């Protein structure tokens, strides 16, 4: 379609202490929208004195409100003002890409990444639970369309009162090709990794299931080490968790998204036994690098991995350990699985996501 729409997209999560997958999805989908559609896009955020870190900087101009984040969030959720147009001018569609829900001053599209807070409330603060519950109530009431990244999240939303006719599944994508051997060697040198390694990436927080992964890894008879990549989040004491296996675990902390590819490519196995995910982008990133994947069987990561990953019960430490031992001990099996993952990753693209988002915006605007 050629009719130009002006779409306001929220990017506040880019300024969060831990931007995470929601920021990655907003940035990458918008980059694809700019490349593959004729939409006019304007970004929206609360007032900030400084730009976000370079790795979390959106590719569109950002219009800021005068209110800081907390004030804007509270005002949006309980006073239902200010209108997005106060910052952006006239727009045809508003897309809330996080859980802060602006007033419906134009057709409103809202992304719901997951409903983890409803299933594991103890993983969240009291303030966080209040905020998320209000956001979901508003999304159910005010959204013209709800965008979700997986069938698992769609089914969860419908089970919690969303109108199935207003929910659209738009999987995330990936555009990064396999890292070459030189890049892998540079990454190993940079992070002083000399042994084979099992890789895990993510924010350090309870639903990522690190305690079980660490206990499972401790039982695997291997000379490989476990490499953990990602920022500190909440409600986990990483030093305490790794203490029993400290000599076999490397903690790299935050690594910029554009530097992750070689770390994935160099891993013998990528293991991601998360308890719940809206999509599970790290699984797709690892598959795109041809790295064999072990991940959870009962969340959206099973959709991403399909039959090109080893799917395990994330609550079963023996199953996690057995999967790791098998892939670490059987190079042919690991290579075959990695090749299957690389082929499967080709079916996920940000270009496709951009096309589906464009359709959703036009549907909402009608």
Protein backbone atom coordinates (compact mmCIF):
# COMPACT_ATOMS: atom_id res chain seq x y z
CA UNK A 1 0.00 0.00 0.00
CA UNK A 2 1.20 3.53 -0.76
CA UNK A 3 -0.96 5.76 1.47
CA UNK A 4 1.46 7.26 3.93
CA UNK A 5 0.66 6.95 7.61
CA UNK A 6 2.34 8.85 10.42
CA UNK A 7 2.96 6.49 13.34
CA UNK A 8 4.11 7.46 16.84
CA UNK A 9 6.16 4.68 18.48
CA UNK A 10 7.16 4.66 22.16
CA UNK A 11 10.84 4.08 22.97
CA UNK A 12 11.02 4.80 26.70
CA UNK A 13 12.50 1.38 27.45
CA UNK A 14 15.71 2.45 25.69
CA UNK A 15 16.48 4.55 28.78
CA UNK A 16 15.77 1.75 31.29
CA UNK A 17 18.65 0.47 33.40
CA UNK A 18 18.14 -2.89 31.67
CA UNK A 19 16.56 -2.19 28.24
CA UNK A 20 16.43 -5.89 27.33
CA UNK A 21 14.46 -7.56 24.57
CA UNK A 22 11.65 -5.00 24.49
CA UNK A 23 14.08 -2.27 23.49
CA UNK A 24 15.81 -4.54 20.96
CA UNK A 25 12.47 -5.37 19.37
CA UNK A 26 11.38 -1.72 19.21
CA UNK A 27 14.68 -0.60 17.68
CA UNK A 28 15.02 -3.41 15.16
CA UNK A 29 11.39 -3.42 14.05
CA UNK A 30 11.51 0.34 13.54
CA UNK A 31 14.75 0.07 11.58
CA UNK A 32 12.99 -2.47 9.34
CA UNK A 33 9.90 -0.28 9.01
CA UNK A 34 12.12 2.57 7.81
CA UNK A 35 13.79 0.28 5.28
CA UNK A 36 10.87 -1.72 3.98
CA UNK A 37 7.77 0.53 4.27
CA UNK A 38 6.75 4.09 3.43
CA UNK A 39 5.50 4.88 6.94
CA UNK A 40 6.50 8.15 8.57
CA UNK A 41 7.66 7.27 12.07
CA UNK A 42 8.22 9.53 15.04
CA UNK A 43 9.56 8.30 18.37
CA UNK A 44 8.11 9.18 21.78
CA UNK A 45 9.70 9.20 25.22
CA UNK A 46 9.60 10.92 28.59
CA UNK A 47 11.99 13.78 29.36
CA UNK A 48 15.65 12.80 29.58
CA UNK A 49 18.66 15.06 29.87
CA UNK A 50 20.88 12.64 27.98
CA UNK A 51 20.41 10.25 25.05
CA UNK A 52 20.29 6.50 25.71
CA UNK A 53 23.52 4.50 25.39
CA UNK A 54 24.65 4.19 21.78
CA UNK A 55 23.70 0.52 21.58
CA UNK A 56 20.13 1.38 22.60
CA UNK A 57 19.66 4.48 20.43
CA UNK A 58 16.57 4.38 18.16
CA UNK A 59 17.00 5.07 14.47
CA UNK A 60 14.24 7.70 14.42
CA UNK A 61 13.96 11.17 15.92
CA UNK A 62 12.55 11.16 19.47
CA UNK A 63 10.04 13.73 20.69
CA UNK A 64 10.10 14.07 24.46
CA UNK A 65 7.45 15.16 26.93
CA UNK A 66 8.31 17.56 29.72
CA UNK A 67 7.45 14.91 32.30
CA UNK A 68 10.13 12.46 33.51
CA UNK A 69 9.45 8.75 33.22
CA UNK A 70 7.68 8.10 36.52
CA UNK A 71 5.50 11.17 36.13
CA UNK A 72 4.60 10.30 32.55
CA UNK A 73 3.83 6.67 33.35
CA UNK A 74 1.61 7.54 36.31
CA UNK A 75 -0.16 10.27 34.37
CA UNK A 76 -0.77 8.02 31.40
CA UNK A 77 -2.05 5.14 33.50
CA UNK A 78 -4.27 7.01 35.96
CA UNK A 79 -5.09 10.42 34.49
CA UNK A 80 -4.98 9.24 30.84
CA UNK A 81 -3.05 12.28 29.74
CA UNK A 82 -1.05 13.88 28.16
CA UNK A 83 -1.92 12.88 24.64
CA UNK A 84 0.94 11.58 22.55
CA UNK A 85 0.21 14.35 20.07
CA UNK A 86 1.40 16.91 22.65
CA UNK A 87 4.91 15.73 21.80
CA UNK A 88 4.55 14.51 18.22
CA UNK A 89 1.90 16.58 16.54
CA UNK A 90 -0.79 14.84 14.52
CA UNK A 91 -0.40 11.08 14.03
CA UNK A 92 -2.56 8.41 12.41
CA UNK A 93 -1.59 5.55 14.76
CA UNK A 94 0.08 5.20 18.16
CA UNK A 95 2.15 2.09 18.87
CA UNK A 96 3.02 1.45 22.52
CA UNK A 97 5.94 -0.97 22.31
CA UNK A 98 6.30 -1.40 26.08
CA UNK A 99 3.89 -1.70 28.97
CA UNK A 100 3.38 2.04 29.48
CA UNK A 101 0.01 2.63 27.80
CA UNK A 102 -0.69 6.15 26.50
CA UNK A 103 -4.25 7.44 26.14
CA UNK A 104 -6.10 6.44 23.01
CA UNK A 105 -5.91 9.81 21.25
CA UNK A 106 -5.50 8.00 17.90
CA UNK A 107 -5.94 4.35 16.90
CA UNK A 108 -3.85 2.45 19.42
CA UNK A 109 -1.64 -0.61 18.83
CA UNK A 110 -0.05 -2.13 21.93
CA UNK A 111 2.69 -4.74 22.10
CA UNK A 112 2.32 -7.28 24.89
CA UNK A 113 5.57 -9.22 25.11
CA UNK A 114 4.48 -11.63 27.83
CA UNK A 115 2.34 -11.96 30.95
CA UNK A 116 5.10 -13.32 33.17
CA UNK A 117 4.04 -11.11 36.07
CA UNK A 118 0.72 -12.96 36.29
CA UNK A 119 2.42 -16.36 36.48
CA UNK A 120 5.41 -15.53 38.68
CA UNK A 121 4.36 -12.49 40.76
CA UNK A 122 7.10 -13.12 43.34
CA UNK A 123 9.66 -12.28 40.65
CA UNK A 124 8.46 -8.67 40.59
CA UNK A 125 8.29 -5.76 43.02
CA UNK A 126 4.99 -4.57 44.48
CA UNK A 127 5.24 -1.38 42.40
CA UNK A 128 6.02 -3.40 39.29
CA UNK A 129 3.01 -5.63 39.77
CA UNK A 130 0.72 -2.63 40.21
CA UNK A 131 2.12 -1.03 37.07
CA UNK A 132 1.87 -4.18 34.93
CA UNK A 133 -1.67 -4.99 36.08
CA UNK A 134 -2.85 -1.49 35.22
CA UNK A 135 -1.11 -1.69 31.83
CA UNK A 136 -2.82 -4.97 30.95
CA UNK A 137 -6.22 -3.64 32.06
CA UNK A 138 -5.73 -0.62 29.80
CA UNK A 139 -4.51 -2.75 26.91
CA UNK A 140 -7.58 -4.99 27.13
CA UNK A 141 -9.85 -1.95 27.24
CA UNK A 142 -8.28 0.59 24.89
CA UNK A 143 -6.17 -1.18 22.26
CA UNK A 144 -7.52 -1.38 18.74
CA UNK A 145 -4.99 -4.15 18.11
CA UNK A 146 -2.62 -6.05 20.37
CA UNK A 147 0.67 -7.26 18.88
CA UNK A 148 2.41 -10.29 20.43
CA UNK A 149 5.67 -11.98 19.38
CA UNK A 150 4.55 -15.59 19.72
CA UNK A 151 1.61 -17.97 19.72
CA UNK A 152 2.37 -18.74 23.37
CA UNK A 153 1.86 -15.09 24.31
CA UNK A 154 -1.25 -14.87 22.15
CA UNK A 155 -2.81 -17.85 23.90
CA UNK A 156 -1.85 -16.42 27.28
CA UNK A 157 -3.46 -13.09 26.42
CA UNK A 158 -6.67 -14.72 25.24
CA UNK A 159 -6.77 -16.84 28.42
CA UNK A 160 -6.57 -13.60 30.41
CA UNK A 161 -9.44 -11.81 28.74
CA UNK A 162 -8.09 -10.31 25.52
CA UNK A 163 -10.37 -10.43 22.48
CA UNK A 164 -8.76 -12.99 20.18
CA UNK A 165 -9.98 -11.02 17.14
CA UNK A 166 -7.81 -8.07 18.16
CA UNK A 167 -4.56 -10.00 18.73
CA UNK A 168 -1.94 -10.28 15.97
CA UNK A 169 1.12 -12.56 16.17
CA UNK A 170 4.22 -10.86 14.75
CA UNK A 171 7.38 -12.87 15.46
CA UNK A 172 10.68 -11.05 15.87
CA UNK A 173 13.39 -11.38 13.29
CA UNK A 174 17.12 -11.42 12.78
CA UNK A 175 19.32 -10.00 10.04
CA UNK A 176 22.83 -10.87 11.29
CA UNK A 177 24.68 -13.54 9.32
CA UNK A 178 27.15 -16.06 10.74
CA UNK A 179 30.35 -14.63 12.22
CA UNK A 180 33.55 -15.66 10.47
CA UNK A 181 36.41 -17.54 12.11
CA UNK A 182 38.51 -14.40 12.55
CA UNK A 183 35.70 -12.66 14.43
CA UNK A 184 35.29 -15.69 16.68
CA UNK A 185 39.01 -15.75 17.38
CA UNK A 186 39.00 -12.04 18.23
CA UNK A 187 36.08 -12.54 20.62
CA UNK A 188 37.84 -15.43 22.35
CA UNK A 189 40.95 -13.29 22.70
CA UNK A 190 39.02 -10.25 23.92
CA UNK A 191 37.20 -12.21 26.63
CA UNK A 192 40.12 -14.55 27.36
CA UNK A 193 38.17 -17.71 26.54
CA UNK A 194 40.54 -20.58 25.87
CA UNK A 195 38.39 -23.65 26.53
CA UNK A 196 35.25 -24.97 24.81
CA UNK A 197 32.23 -23.28 26.34
CA UNK A 198 28.50 -23.47 26.87
CA UNK A 199 26.95 -20.02 26.42
CA UNK A 200 24.00 -18.40 28.14
CA UNK A 201 22.84 -14.82 27.49
CA UNK A 202 20.17 -12.70 29.14
CA UNK A 203 19.33 -10.41 32.02
CA UNK A 204 20.13 -11.89 35.43
CA UNK A 205 16.63 -12.34 36.86
CA UNK A 206 14.57 -15.22 38.25
CA UNK A 207 12.60 -16.34 35.22
CA UNK A 208 15.81 -16.99 33.29
CA UNK A 209 16.29 -20.09 35.49
CA UNK A 210 20.01 -19.67 36.11
CA UNK A 211 20.05 -21.61 39.41
CA UNK A 212 18.89 -24.80 37.69
CA UNK A 213 21.24 -24.30 34.76
CA UNK A 214 24.18 -23.87 37.12
CA UNK A 215 23.27 -26.95 39.15
CA UNK A 216 22.77 -28.98 35.97
CA UNK A 217 26.08 -27.84 34.51
CA UNK A 218 27.87 -28.77 37.72
CA UNK A 219 26.94 -32.44 37.13
CA UNK A 220 28.21 -32.58 33.52
CA UNK A 221 31.56 -34.31 33.12
CA UNK A 222 33.27 -31.93 30.69
CA UNK A 223 36.28 -29.67 30.35
CA UNK A 224 34.02 -26.95 28.93
CA UNK A 225 33.20 -23.86 30.92
CA UNK A 226 29.90 -22.05 31.24
CA UNK A 227 29.99 -18.46 29.97
CA UNK A 228 27.27 -16.09 31.20
CA UNK A 229 26.61 -12.91 29.24
CA UNK A 230 24.19 -10.20 30.29
CA UNK A 231 23.52 -7.34 32.68
CA UNK A 232 22.51 -7.69 36.30
CA UNK A 233 18.76 -7.42 36.68
CA UNK A 234 16.85 -8.13 39.85
CA UNK A 235 16.09 -10.68 42.56
CA UNK A 236 19.14 -12.87 41.90
CA UNK A 237 22.46 -12.96 43.76
CA UNK A 238 24.78 -14.09 40.98
CA UNK A 239 27.87 -14.37 43.18
CA UNK A 240 26.04 -16.74 45.50
CA UNK A 241 24.65 -18.76 42.61
CA UNK A 242 27.98 -19.41 40.95
CA UNK A 243 29.94 -20.02 44.15
CA UNK A 244 29.70 -23.86 43.98
CA UNK A 245 31.04 -23.93 40.40
CA UNK A 246 33.01 -20.70 40.28
CA UNK A 247 36.11 -22.32 38.72
CA UNK A 248 34.01 -23.53 35.76
CA UNK A 249 31.95 -20.37 35.15
CA UNK A 250 32.90 -17.13 33.40
CA UNK A 251 30.75 -14.02 33.92
CA UNK A 252 31.24 -11.46 31.14
CA UNK A 253 28.48 -9.05 32.11
CA UNK A 254 26.85 -6.84 29.50
CA UNK A 255 28.07 -7.26 25.92
CA UNK A 256 26.77 -4.85 23.24
CA UNK A 257 24.22 -6.54 20.96
CA UNK A 258 26.38 -6.00 17.87
CA UNK A 259 29.24 -7.94 19.51
CA UNK A 260 27.24 -11.02 20.48
CA UNK A 261 27.42 -12.86 17.15
CA UNK A 262 30.99 -14.15 17.49
CA UNK A 263 30.34 -15.27 21.07
CA UNK A 264 27.36 -17.31 19.89
CA UNK A 265 29.31 -18.68 16.94
CA UNK A 266 32.21 -19.79 19.11
CA UNK A 267 30.09 -21.68 21.64
CA UNK A 268 29.93 -25.46 21.64
CA UNK A 269 26.32 -25.24 22.87
CA UNK A 270 23.91 -22.44 23.67
CA UNK A 271 21.68 -23.26 26.66
CA UNK A 272 18.62 -21.16 27.49
CA UNK A 273 16.26 -23.02 29.87
CA UNK A 274 14.08 -19.98 30.62
CA UNK A 275 10.89 -20.48 32.61
CA UNK A 276 8.87 -18.07 30.47
CA UNK A 277 9.54 -15.91 27.43
CA UNK A 278 7.52 -13.70 25.15
CA UNK A 279 9.72 -14.78 22.25
CA UNK A 280 13.26 -15.75 23.24
CA UNK A 281 15.49 -13.76 20.90
CA UNK A 282 18.74 -15.32 22.21
CA UNK A 283 17.60 -18.70 20.88
CA UNK A 284 17.17 -17.24 17.40
CA UNK A 285 20.48 -15.39 17.63
CA UNK A 286 22.31 -18.60 18.50
CA UNK A 287 20.60 -20.57 15.75
CA UNK A 288 21.54 -17.92 13.19
CA UNK A 289 25.18 -18.53 14.10
CA UNK A 290 24.85 -22.28 13.54
CA UNK A 291 25.24 -23.04 17.25
CA UNK A 292 23.34 -26.05 18.66
CA UNK A 293 20.64 -24.95 21.11
CA UNK A 294 19.15 -26.43 24.27
CA UNK A 295 16.04 -24.57 25.41
CA UNK A 296 12.72 -24.91 27.18
CA UNK A 297 9.89 -27.04 25.88
CA UNK A 298 6.96 -25.21 27.47
CA UNK A 299 7.36 -21.56 26.50
CA UNK A 300 7.74 -19.54 23.30
CA UNK A 301 11.34 -20.66 22.84
CA UNK A 302 9.97 -24.01 21.68
CA UNK A 303 8.25 -22.16 18.82
CA UNK A 304 11.51 -20.51 17.83
CA UNK A 305 13.63 -23.65 18.11
CA UNK A 306 11.10 -26.10 16.70
CA UNK A 307 12.72 -29.37 15.69
CA UNK A 308 16.08 -27.60 15.26
CA UNK A 309 16.75 -27.40 19.00
CA UNK A 310 16.85 -29.81 21.93
CA UNK A 311 13.77 -29.01 24.00
CA UNK A 312 13.84 -29.82 27.72
CA UNK A 313 11.66 -29.35 30.76
CA UNK A 314 13.26 -26.27 32.38
CA UNK A 315 12.34 -27.59 35.84
CA UNK A 316 14.21 -30.86 35.26
CA UNK A 317 17.91 -30.36 36.03
CA UNK A 318 18.75 -33.90 34.95
CA UNK A 319 17.18 -33.26 31.53
CA UNK A 320 19.21 -30.05 31.11
CA UNK A 321 22.39 -31.84 32.13
CA UNK A 322 21.72 -34.81 29.82
CA UNK A 323 21.11 -32.51 26.85
CA UNK A 324 24.35 -30.63 27.50
CA UNK A 325 26.34 -33.83 27.97
CA UNK A 326 24.96 -35.30 24.74
CA UNK A 327 25.83 -32.28 22.59
CA UNK A 328 29.22 -31.73 24.21
CA UNK A 329 30.10 -35.37 23.71
CA UNK A 330 28.73 -35.90 20.19
CA UNK A 331 30.23 -33.47 17.68
CA UNK A 332 28.30 -34.91 14.75
CA UNK A 333 24.99 -34.47 16.56
CA UNK A 334 25.95 -30.96 17.59
CA UNK A 335 26.98 -30.02 14.04
CA UNK A 336 23.78 -31.45 12.53
CA UNK A 337 21.64 -29.58 15.04
CA UNK A 338 23.53 -26.34 14.46
CA UNK A 339 23.05 -26.62 10.70
CA UNK A 340 19.32 -27.25 11.18
CA UNK A 341 19.10 -24.21 13.45
CA UNK A 342 20.83 -21.99 10.89
CA UNK A 343 18.33 -23.08 8.23
CA UNK A 344 15.40 -22.48 10.55
CA UNK A 345 16.65 -19.02 11.51
CA UNK A 346 16.28 -17.94 7.89
CA UNK A 347 12.50 -18.08 8.28
CA UNK A 348 12.59 -15.26 10.84
CA UNK A 349 13.25 -11.78 9.47
CA UNK A 350 12.70 -8.18 10.51
CA UNK A 351 11.53 -7.50 6.96
CA UNK A 352 8.61 -9.88 7.51
CA UNK A 353 7.93 -8.33 10.93
CA UNK A 354 7.89 -4.86 9.35
CA UNK A 355 5.38 -5.98 6.73
CA UNK A 356 3.07 -7.43 9.37
CA UNK A 357 3.37 -4.28 11.51
CA UNK A 358 2.55 -2.13 8.49
CA UNK A 359 -0.59 -4.23 7.95
CA UNK A 360 -1.53 -3.88 11.62
CA UNK A 361 -1.14 -0.10 11.60
CA UNK A 362 -3.27 0.22 8.47
CA UNK A 363 -5.91 -2.08 9.92
CA UNK A 364 -6.03 -0.06 13.13
CA UNK A 365 -6.26 3.21 11.19
CA UNK A 366 -9.26 2.15 9.12
